[in-house]
């Protein structure tokens, strides 16, 4: 999940797994696999960075859980802004 801002200023969270593609013309439009299109203030690059950071946290948590199962806990820093 990533937090983005609508053109009117309202913040909301979108499931990044549902993003099919992102357009910039000149406003940024997130197109979801559901067919829904959402116009936001963030740039394409900002959205890509947010998705990459979110997925990094998710994968790091997976590593932490797997390590606990093997008896070798790893506690990576988990930060999402």
PDB file of N, CA and C in Angstrom:
ATOM      1  N   UNK A   1       0.845  -1.166   0.000  1.00  0.00           N
ATOM      2  CA  UNK A   1       0.000   0.000   0.000  1.00  0.00           C
ATOM      3  C   UNK A   1       0.896   1.237   0.000  1.00  0.00           C
ATOM      4  N   UNK A   2       0.521   2.209  -0.822  1.00  0.00           N
ATOM      5  CA  UNK A   2       1.270   3.461  -0.861  1.00  0.00           C
ATOM      6  C   UNK A   2       0.315   4.635  -0.670  1.00  0.00           C
ATOM      7  N   UNK A   3       0.816   5.681  -0.025  1.00  0.00           N
ATOM      8  CA  UNK A   3       0.012   6.874   0.216  1.00  0.00           C
ATOM      9  C   UNK A   3       0.291   7.892  -0.888  1.00  0.00           C
ATOM     10  N   UNK A   4      -0.777   8.376  -1.522  1.00  0.00           N
ATOM     11  CA  UNK A   4      -0.673   9.382  -2.575  1.00  0.00           C
ATOM     12  C   UNK A   4      -1.709  10.479  -2.326  1.00  0.00           C
ATOM     13  N   UNK A   5      -1.637  11.545  -3.133  1.00  0.00           N
ATOM     14  CA  UNK A   5      -2.514  12.695  -2.939  1.00  0.00           C
ATOM     15  C   UNK A   5      -3.315  12.979  -4.195  1.00  0.00           C
ATOM     16  N   UNK A   6      -4.631  13.067  -4.032  1.00  0.00           N
ATOM     17  CA  UNK A   6      -5.485  13.440  -5.155  1.00  0.00           C
ATOM     18  C   UNK A   6      -5.189  14.872  -5.572  1.00  0.00           C
ATOM     19  N   UNK A   7      -5.577  15.250  -6.766  1.00  0.00           N
ATOM     20  CA  UNK A   7      -5.377  16.603  -7.271  1.00  0.00           C
ATOM     21  C   UNK A   7      -6.017  17.632  -6.331  1.00  0.00           C
ATOM     22  N   UNK A   8      -7.153  17.289  -5.729  1.00  0.00           N
ATOM     23  CA  UNK A   8      -7.847  18.218  -4.830  1.00  0.00           C
ATOM     24  C   UNK A   8      -7.217  18.308  -3.446  1.00  0.00           C
ATOM     25  N   UNK A   9      -6.148  17.543  -3.199  1.00  0.00           N
ATOM     26  CA  UNK A   9      -5.426  17.617  -1.933  1.00  0.00           C
ATOM     27  C   UNK A   9      -5.719  16.508  -0.950  1.00  0.00           C
ATOM     28  N   UNK A  10      -6.716  15.691  -1.214  1.00  0.00           N
ATOM     29  CA  UNK A  10      -7.045  14.596  -0.305  1.00  0.00           C
ATOM     30  C   UNK A  10      -6.063  13.451  -0.425  1.00  0.00           C
ATOM     31  N   UNK A  11      -5.529  13.022   0.716  1.00  0.00           N
ATOM     32  CA  UNK A  11      -4.591  11.899   0.728  1.00  0.00           C
ATOM     33  C   UNK A  11      -5.368  10.586   0.845  1.00  0.00           C
ATOM     34  N   UNK A  12      -4.843   9.542   0.224  1.00  0.00           N
ATOM     35  CA  UNK A  12      -5.439   8.210   0.332  1.00  0.00           C
ATOM     36  C   UNK A  12      -4.368   7.165   0.079  1.00  0.00           C
ATOM     37  N   UNK A  13      -4.720   5.920   0.350  1.00  0.00           N
ATOM     38  CA  UNK A  13      -3.781   4.808   0.190  1.00  0.00           C
ATOM     39  C   UNK A  13      -4.301   3.907  -0.922  1.00  0.00           C
ATOM     40  N   UNK A  14      -3.396   3.493  -1.809  1.00  0.00           N
ATOM     41  CA  UNK A  14      -3.773   2.616  -2.912  1.00  0.00           C
ATOM     42  C   UNK A  14      -2.964   1.315  -2.818  1.00  0.00           C
ATOM     43  N   UNK A  15      -3.593   0.226  -3.175  1.00  0.00           N
ATOM     44  CA  UNK A  15      -2.922  -1.074  -3.197  1.00  0.00           C
ATOM     45  C   UNK A  15      -1.986  -1.099  -4.406  1.00  0.00           C
ATOM     46  N   UNK A  16      -0.693  -1.064  -4.144  1.00  0.00           N
ATOM     47  CA  UNK A  16       0.286  -0.995  -5.238  1.00  0.00           C
ATOM     48  C   UNK A  16       0.281  -2.245  -6.113  1.00  0.00           C
ATOM     49  N   UNK A  17      -0.263  -3.349  -5.606  1.00  0.00           N
ATOM     50  CA  UNK A  17      -0.355  -4.570  -6.411  1.00  0.00           C
ATOM     51  C   UNK A  17      -1.395  -4.438  -7.523  1.00  0.00           C
ATOM     52  N   UNK A  18      -2.293  -3.458  -7.410  1.00  0.00           N
ATOM     53  CA  UNK A  18      -3.334  -3.263  -8.421  1.00  0.00           C
ATOM     54  C   UNK A  18      -2.939  -2.259  -9.505  1.00  0.00           C
ATOM     55  N   UNK A  19      -1.751  -1.655  -9.388  1.00  0.00           N
ATOM     56  CA  UNK A  19      -1.323  -0.684 -10.398  1.00  0.00           C
ATOM     57  C   UNK A  19      -0.921  -1.427 -11.666  1.00  0.00           C
ATOM     58  N   UNK A  20      -1.609  -1.111 -12.765  1.00  0.00           N
ATOM     59  CA  UNK A  20      -1.289  -1.716 -14.062  1.00  0.00           C
ATOM     60  C   UNK A  20      -0.261  -0.859 -14.799  1.00  0.00           C
ATOM     61  N   UNK A  21      -0.522   0.459 -14.847  1.00  0.00           N
ATOM     62  CA  UNK A  21       0.440   1.385 -15.414  1.00  0.00           C
ATOM     63  C   UNK A  21       0.149   2.786 -14.902  1.00  0.00           C
ATOM     64  N   UNK A  22       1.112   3.693 -15.139  1.00  0.00           N
ATOM     65  CA  UNK A  22       0.994   5.080 -14.691  1.00  0.00           C
ATOM     66  C   UNK A  22       1.265   5.978 -15.888  1.00  0.00           C
ATOM     67  N   UNK A  23       0.402   6.970 -16.093  1.00  0.00           N
ATOM     68  CA  UNK A  23       0.559   7.922 -17.192  1.00  0.00           C
ATOM     69  C   UNK A  23       0.913   9.290 -16.623  1.00  0.00           C
ATOM     70  N   UNK A  24       1.591  10.087 -17.435  1.00  0.00           N
ATOM     71  CA  UNK A  24       1.891  11.465 -17.060  1.00  0.00           C
ATOM     72  C   UNK A  24       1.605  12.345 -18.268  1.00  0.00           C
ATOM     73  N   UNK A  25       0.536  13.174 -18.184  1.00  0.00           N
ATOM     74  CA  UNK A  25       0.137  13.947 -19.362  1.00  0.00           C
ATOM     75  C   UNK A  25      -0.594  15.246 -19.067  1.00  0.00           C
ATOM     76  N   UNK A  26      -0.158  16.285 -18.533  1.00  0.00           N
ATOM     77  CA  UNK A  26       1.005  16.414 -17.640  1.00  0.00           C
ATOM     78  C   UNK A  26       0.708  15.931 -16.222  1.00  0.00           C
ATOM     79  N   UNK A  27      -0.564  15.817 -15.821  1.00  0.00           N
ATOM     80  CA  UNK A  27      -0.868  15.275 -14.489  1.00  0.00           C
ATOM     81  C   UNK A  27      -0.599  13.772 -14.489  1.00  0.00           C
ATOM     82  N   UNK A  28      -0.415  13.229 -13.310  1.00  0.00           N
ATOM     83  CA  UNK A  28      -0.128  11.804 -13.178  1.00  0.00           C
ATOM     84  C   UNK A  28      -1.432  11.050 -12.956  1.00  0.00           C
ATOM     85  N   UNK A  29      -1.612   9.967 -13.711  1.00  0.00           N
ATOM     86  CA  UNK A  29      -2.813   9.136 -13.596  1.00  0.00           C
ATOM     87  C   UNK A  29      -2.385   7.698 -13.325  1.00  0.00           C
ATOM     88  N   UNK A  30      -2.869   7.162 -12.202  1.00  0.00           N
ATOM     89  CA  UNK A  30      -2.627   5.750 -11.883  1.00  0.00           C
ATOM     90  C   UNK A  30      -3.783   4.958 -12.482  1.00  0.00           C
ATOM     91  N   UNK A  31      -3.460   3.959 -13.281  1.00  0.00           N
ATOM     92  CA  UNK A  31      -4.469   3.086 -13.891  1.00  0.00           C
ATOM     93  C   UNK A  31      -4.373   1.723 -13.213  1.00  0.00           C
ATOM     94  N   UNK A  32      -5.483   1.315 -12.612  1.00  0.00           N
ATOM     95  CA  UNK A  32      -5.510   0.066 -11.869  1.00  0.00           C
ATOM     96  C   UNK A  32      -6.007  -1.093 -12.729  1.00  0.00           C
ATOM     97  N   UNK A  33      -5.706  -2.300 -12.299  1.00  0.00           N
ATOM     98  CA  UNK A  33      -6.154  -3.491 -13.017  1.00  0.00           C
ATOM     99  C   UNK A  33      -7.672  -3.622 -12.998  1.00  0.00           C
ATOM    100  N   UNK A  34      -8.327  -2.896 -12.109  1.00  0.00           N
ATOM    101  CA  UNK A  34      -9.789  -2.915 -12.009  1.00  0.00           C
ATOM    102  C   UNK A  34     -10.451  -2.020 -13.060  1.00  0.00           C
ATOM    103  N   UNK A  35      -9.626  -1.226 -13.773  1.00  0.00           N
ATOM    104  CA  UNK A  35     -10.150  -0.285 -14.748  1.00  0.00           C
ATOM    105  C   UNK A  35     -10.281   1.128 -14.211  1.00  0.00           C
ATOM    106  N   UNK A  36     -10.142   1.280 -12.908  1.00  0.00           N
ATOM    107  CA  UNK A  36     -10.244   2.595 -12.287  1.00  0.00           C
ATOM    108  C   UNK A  36      -9.005   3.419 -12.600  1.00  0.00           C
ATOM    109  N   UNK A  37      -9.225   4.733 -12.821  1.00  0.00           N
ATOM    110  CA  UNK A  37      -8.126   5.663 -13.099  1.00  0.00           C
ATOM    111  C   UNK A  37      -8.178   6.763 -12.044  1.00  0.00           C
ATOM    112  N   UNK A  38      -7.014   7.055 -11.441  1.00  0.00           N
ATOM    113  CA  UNK A  38      -6.952   8.025 -10.359  1.00  0.00           C
ATOM    114  C   UNK A  38      -5.913   9.090 -10.692  1.00  0.00           C
ATOM    115  N   UNK A  39      -6.327  10.363 -10.698  1.00  0.00           N
ATOM    116  CA  UNK A  39      -5.426  11.469 -10.966  1.00  0.00           C
ATOM    117  C   UNK A  39      -4.799  11.928  -9.645  1.00  0.00           C
ATOM    118  N   UNK A  40      -3.467  12.011  -9.610  1.00  0.00           N
ATOM    119  CA  UNK A  40      -2.772  12.359  -8.373  1.00  0.00           C
ATOM    120  C   UNK A  40      -1.745  13.469  -8.602  1.00  0.00           C
ATOM    121  N   UNK A  41      -1.267  14.042  -7.494  1.00  0.00           N
ATOM    122  CA  UNK A  41      -0.272  15.115  -7.538  1.00  0.00           C
ATOM    123  C   UNK A  41       1.150  14.618  -7.733  1.00  0.00           C
ATOM    124  N   UNK A  42       1.459  13.435  -7.225  1.00  0.00           N
ATOM    125  CA  UNK A  42       2.821  12.911  -7.286  1.00  0.00           C
ATOM    126  C   UNK A  42       3.239  12.624  -8.729  1.00  0.00           C
ATOM    127  N   UNK A  43       4.538  12.673  -8.971  1.00  0.00           N
ATOM    128  CA  UNK A  43       5.075  12.342 -10.298  1.00  0.00           C
ATOM    129  C   UNK A  43       5.158  10.823 -10.458  1.00  0.00           C
ATOM    130  N   UNK A  44       5.359  10.389 -11.681  1.00  0.00           N
ATOM    131  CA  UNK A  44       5.551   8.955 -11.949  1.00  0.00           C
ATOM    132  C   UNK A  44       6.735   8.437 -11.139  1.00  0.00           C
ATOM    133  N   UNK A  45       7.821   9.196 -11.113  1.00  0.00           N
ATOM    134  CA  UNK A  45       9.020   8.787 -10.386  1.00  0.00           C
ATOM    135  C   UNK A  45       8.738   8.638  -8.892  1.00  0.00           C
ATOM    136  N   UNK A  46       7.937   9.560  -8.329  1.00  0.00           N
ATOM    137  CA  UNK A  46       7.572   9.466  -6.907  1.00  0.00           C
ATOM    138  C   UNK A  46       6.795   8.186  -6.629  1.00  0.00           C
ATOM    139  N   UNK A  47       5.858   7.851  -7.501  1.00  0.00           N
ATOM    140  CA  UNK A  47       5.052   6.639  -7.311  1.00  0.00           C
ATOM    141  C   UNK A  47       5.940   5.401  -7.394  1.00  0.00           C
ATOM    142  N   UNK A  48       6.819   5.374  -8.364  1.00  0.00           N
ATOM    143  CA  UNK A  48       7.742   4.237  -8.513  1.00  0.00           C
ATOM    144  C   UNK A  48       8.595   4.088  -7.263  1.00  0.00           C
ATOM    145  N   UNK A  49       9.110   5.202  -6.737  1.00  0.00           N
ATOM    146  CA  UNK A  49       9.924   5.159  -5.516  1.00  0.00           C
ATOM    147  C   UNK A  49       9.119   4.634  -4.336  1.00  0.00           C
ATOM    148  N   UNK A  50       7.870   5.079  -4.194  1.00  0.00           N
ATOM    149  CA  UNK A  50       7.029   4.632  -3.089  1.00  0.00           C
ATOM    150  C   UNK A  50       6.735   3.140  -3.180  1.00  0.00           C
ATOM    151  N   UNK A  51       6.452   2.668  -4.376  1.00  0.00           N
ATOM    152  CA  UNK A  51       6.176   1.234  -4.567  1.00  0.00           C
ATOM    153  C   UNK A  51       7.431   0.416  -4.257  1.00  0.00           C
ATOM    154  N   UNK A  52       8.579   0.863  -4.755  1.00  0.00           N
ATOM    155  CA  UNK A  52       9.831   0.132  -4.519  1.00  0.00           C
ATOM    156  C   UNK A  52      10.156   0.092  -3.026  1.00  0.00           C
ATOM    157  N   UNK A  53       9.962   1.205  -2.327  1.00  0.00           N
ATOM    158  CA  UNK A  53      10.238   1.252  -0.896  1.00  0.00           C
ATOM    159  C   UNK A  53       9.282   0.324  -0.135  1.00  0.00           C
ATOM    160  N   UNK A  54       8.001   0.357  -0.498  1.00  0.00           N
ATOM    161  CA  UNK A  54       7.016  -0.506   0.149  1.00  0.00           C
ATOM    162  C   UNK A  54       7.351  -1.983  -0.064  1.00  0.00           C
ATOM    163  N   UNK A  55       7.667  -2.352  -1.292  1.00  0.00           N
ATOM    164  CA  UNK A  55       7.990  -3.754  -1.585  1.00  0.00           C
ATOM    165  C   UNK A  55       9.263  -4.179  -0.864  1.00  0.00           C
ATOM    166  N   UNK A  56      10.210  -3.261  -0.725  1.00  0.00           N
ATOM    167  CA  UNK A  56      11.434  -3.557   0.024  1.00  0.00           C
ATOM    168  C   UNK A  56      11.127  -3.898   1.468  1.00  0.00           C
ATOM    169  N   UNK A  57      10.208  -3.154   2.070  1.00  0.00           N
ATOM    170  CA  UNK A  57       9.806  -3.422   3.456  1.00  0.00           C
ATOM    171  C   UNK A  57       9.123  -4.782   3.556  1.00  0.00           C
ATOM    172  N   UNK A  58       8.239  -5.066   2.617  1.00  0.00           N
ATOM    173  CA  UNK A  58       7.529  -6.345   2.627  1.00  0.00           C
ATOM    174  C   UNK A  58       8.514  -7.505   2.493  1.00  0.00           C
ATOM    175  N   UNK A  59       9.462  -7.401   1.559  1.00  0.00           N
ATOM    176  CA  UNK A  59      10.430  -8.480   1.370  1.00  0.00           C
ATOM    177  C   UNK A  59      11.342  -8.619   2.582  1.00  0.00           C
ATOM    178  N   UNK A  60      11.702  -7.497   3.199  1.00  0.00           N
ATOM    179  CA  UNK A  60      12.551  -7.542   4.388  1.00  0.00           C
ATOM    180  C   UNK A  60      11.825  -8.252   5.527  1.00  0.00           C
ATOM    181  N   UNK A  61      10.535  -8.005   5.661  1.00  0.00           N
ATOM    182  CA  UNK A  61       9.751  -8.681   6.699  1.00  0.00           C
ATOM    183  C   UNK A  61       9.688 -10.175   6.416  1.00  0.00           C
ATOM    184  N   UNK A  62       9.620 -10.558   5.161  1.00  0.00           N
ATOM    185  CA  UNK A  62       9.625 -11.974   4.801  1.00  0.00           C
ATOM    186  C   UNK A  62      10.923 -12.636   5.192  1.00  0.00           C
ATOM    187  N   UNK A  63      12.022 -11.934   4.985  1.00  0.00           N
ATOM    188  CA  UNK A  63      13.332 -12.459   5.378  1.00  0.00           C
ATOM    189  C   UNK A  63      13.384 -12.623   6.887  1.00  0.00           C
ATOM    190  N   UNK A  64      12.840 -11.634   7.610  1.00  0.00           N
ATOM    191  CA  UNK A  64      12.832 -11.702   9.069  1.00  0.00           C
ATOM    192  C   UNK A  64      12.045 -12.928   9.544  1.00  0.00           C
ATOM    193  N   UNK A  65      10.859 -13.149   8.976  1.00  0.00           N
ATOM    194  CA  UNK A  65      10.048 -14.286   9.388  1.00  0.00           C
ATOM    195  C   UNK A  65      10.749 -15.605   9.057  1.00  0.00           C
ATOM    196  N   UNK A  66      11.311 -15.708   7.868  1.00  0.00           N
ATOM    197  CA  UNK A  66      12.004 -16.941   7.490  1.00  0.00           C
ATOM    198  C   UNK A  66      13.181 -17.205   8.418  1.00  0.00           C
ATOM    199  N   UNK A  67      13.887 -16.162   8.786  1.00  0.00           N
ATOM    200  CA  UNK A  67      15.040 -16.335   9.658  1.00  0.00           C
ATOM    201  C   UNK A  67      14.624 -16.784  11.045  1.00  0.00           C
ATOM    202  N   UNK A  68      13.528 -16.278  11.564  1.00  0.00           N
ATOM    203  CA  UNK A  68      13.029 -16.699  12.871  1.00  0.00           C
ATOM    204  C   UNK A  68      12.686 -18.189  12.839  1.00  0.00           C
ATOM    205  N   UNK A  69      12.105 -18.647  11.720  1.00  0.00           N
ATOM    206  CA  UNK A  69      11.747 -20.058  11.593  1.00  0.00           C
ATOM    207  C   UNK A  69      12.981 -20.961  11.655  1.00  0.00           C
ATOM    208  N   UNK A  70      14.113 -20.461  11.144  1.00  0.00           N
ATOM    209  CA  UNK A  70      15.333 -21.264  11.151  1.00  0.00           C
ATOM    210  C   UNK A  70      16.123 -21.085  12.437  1.00  0.00           C
ATOM    211  N   UNK A  71      15.636 -20.206  13.322  1.00  0.00           N
ATOM    212  CA  UNK A  71      16.329 -19.998  14.591  1.00  0.00           C
ATOM    213  C   UNK A  71      17.403 -18.931  14.540  1.00  0.00           C
ATOM    214  N   UNK A  72      17.519 -18.239  13.412  1.00  0.00           N
ATOM    215  CA  UNK A  72      18.524 -17.182  13.275  1.00  0.00           C
ATOM    216  C   UNK A  72      17.813 -15.863  12.959  1.00  0.00           C
ATOM    217  N   UNK A  73      17.276 -15.207  13.994  1.00  0.00           N
ATOM    218  CA  UNK A  73      16.511 -13.983  13.747  1.00  0.00           C
ATOM    219  C   UNK A  73      17.367 -12.845  13.207  1.00  0.00           C
ATOM    220  N   UNK A  74      16.820 -12.179  12.220  1.00  0.00           N
ATOM    221  CA  UNK A  74      17.440 -10.988  11.652  1.00  0.00           C
ATOM    222  C   UNK A  74      16.415  -9.877  11.808  1.00  0.00           C
ATOM    223  N   UNK A  75      16.815  -8.742  12.301  1.00  0.00           N
ATOM    224  CA  UNK A  75      15.890  -7.622  12.510  1.00  0.00           C
ATOM    225  C   UNK A  75      16.307  -6.452  11.620  1.00  0.00           C
ATOM    226  N   UNK A  76      15.945  -6.477  10.321  1.00  0.00           N
ATOM    227  CA  UNK A  76      16.295  -5.363   9.446  1.00  0.00           C
ATOM    228  C   UNK A  76      15.485  -4.122   9.821  1.00  0.00           C
ATOM    229  N   UNK A  77      16.039  -2.935   9.497  1.00  0.00           N
ATOM    230  CA  UNK A  77      15.297  -1.696   9.718  1.00  0.00           C
ATOM    231  C   UNK A  77      14.134  -1.647   8.759  1.00  0.00           C
ATOM    232  N   UNK A  78      12.941  -1.413   9.281  1.00  0.00           N
ATOM    233  CA  UNK A  78      11.734  -1.366   8.466  1.00  0.00           C
ATOM    234  C   UNK A  78      11.126   0.025   8.589  1.00  0.00           C
ATOM    235  N   UNK A  79      11.288   0.843   7.539  1.00  0.00           N
ATOM    236  CA  UNK A  79      10.758   2.193   7.565  1.00  0.00           C
ATOM    237  C   UNK A  79       9.979   2.470   6.298  1.00  0.00           C
ATOM    238  N   UNK A  80       8.771   2.971   6.441  1.00  0.00           N
ATOM    239  CA  UNK A  80       7.965   3.427   5.312  1.00  0.00           C
ATOM    240  C   UNK A  80       7.504   4.822   5.650  1.00  0.00           C
ATOM    241  N   UNK A  81       7.769   5.752   4.748  1.00  0.00           N
ATOM    242  CA  UNK A  81       7.303   7.129   5.019  1.00  0.00           C
ATOM    243  C   UNK A  81       6.183   7.498   4.107  1.00  0.00           C
TER     244      UNK A  81
END
